[in-house]
Amino acid sequence: LSPYCMKGTSMGNQRPADGVALALNPSHASKGKGQRLLVRNYMTPICEVPSTGPNATIVEAVATMKHQEVSKILVVQSGVAIGLLTLNCVLQEVIIAGRSKESPVKDIMVQDLHTIDCDSTHDD
């Protein structure tokens, strides 16, 4: 999958809403008669959304989330989305279960991401 491949929800000013980190960008979604509307034409590239690496500590990732004013952050490795860290993950694992806030993000991130190839059509 390329760096444009994750389904998402509206981000407004490049900030994820309560959904996945990549977003529909209707301003890029113009479709001429007989033209295929490709995912790459209306998704925000991974490099433009708040993200962290899998080996970042939970406290570092939460600091990034606070700075970016988001409740979810994409976990990226070598330009590929491999997970999603949510404040809910942090609450469940650190506050409730007592995991160290110095643990790596990869230990608590959501790993079951739904993705789509950037050359897929809008109907896919």
Foldseek 3Di string as FASTA:
>chain_A
DAQQWAEADDQVVQAGDPIDRKYFAVVQQDADVPGFGFSLSGIDGPVSHAAEEQQAFQVVSVVSCVVSVHQKHFYDDPSDGQFMDGVVLCCVVCVVVPDDSRGGNNVRTHGDGDIGDRRDGPVD
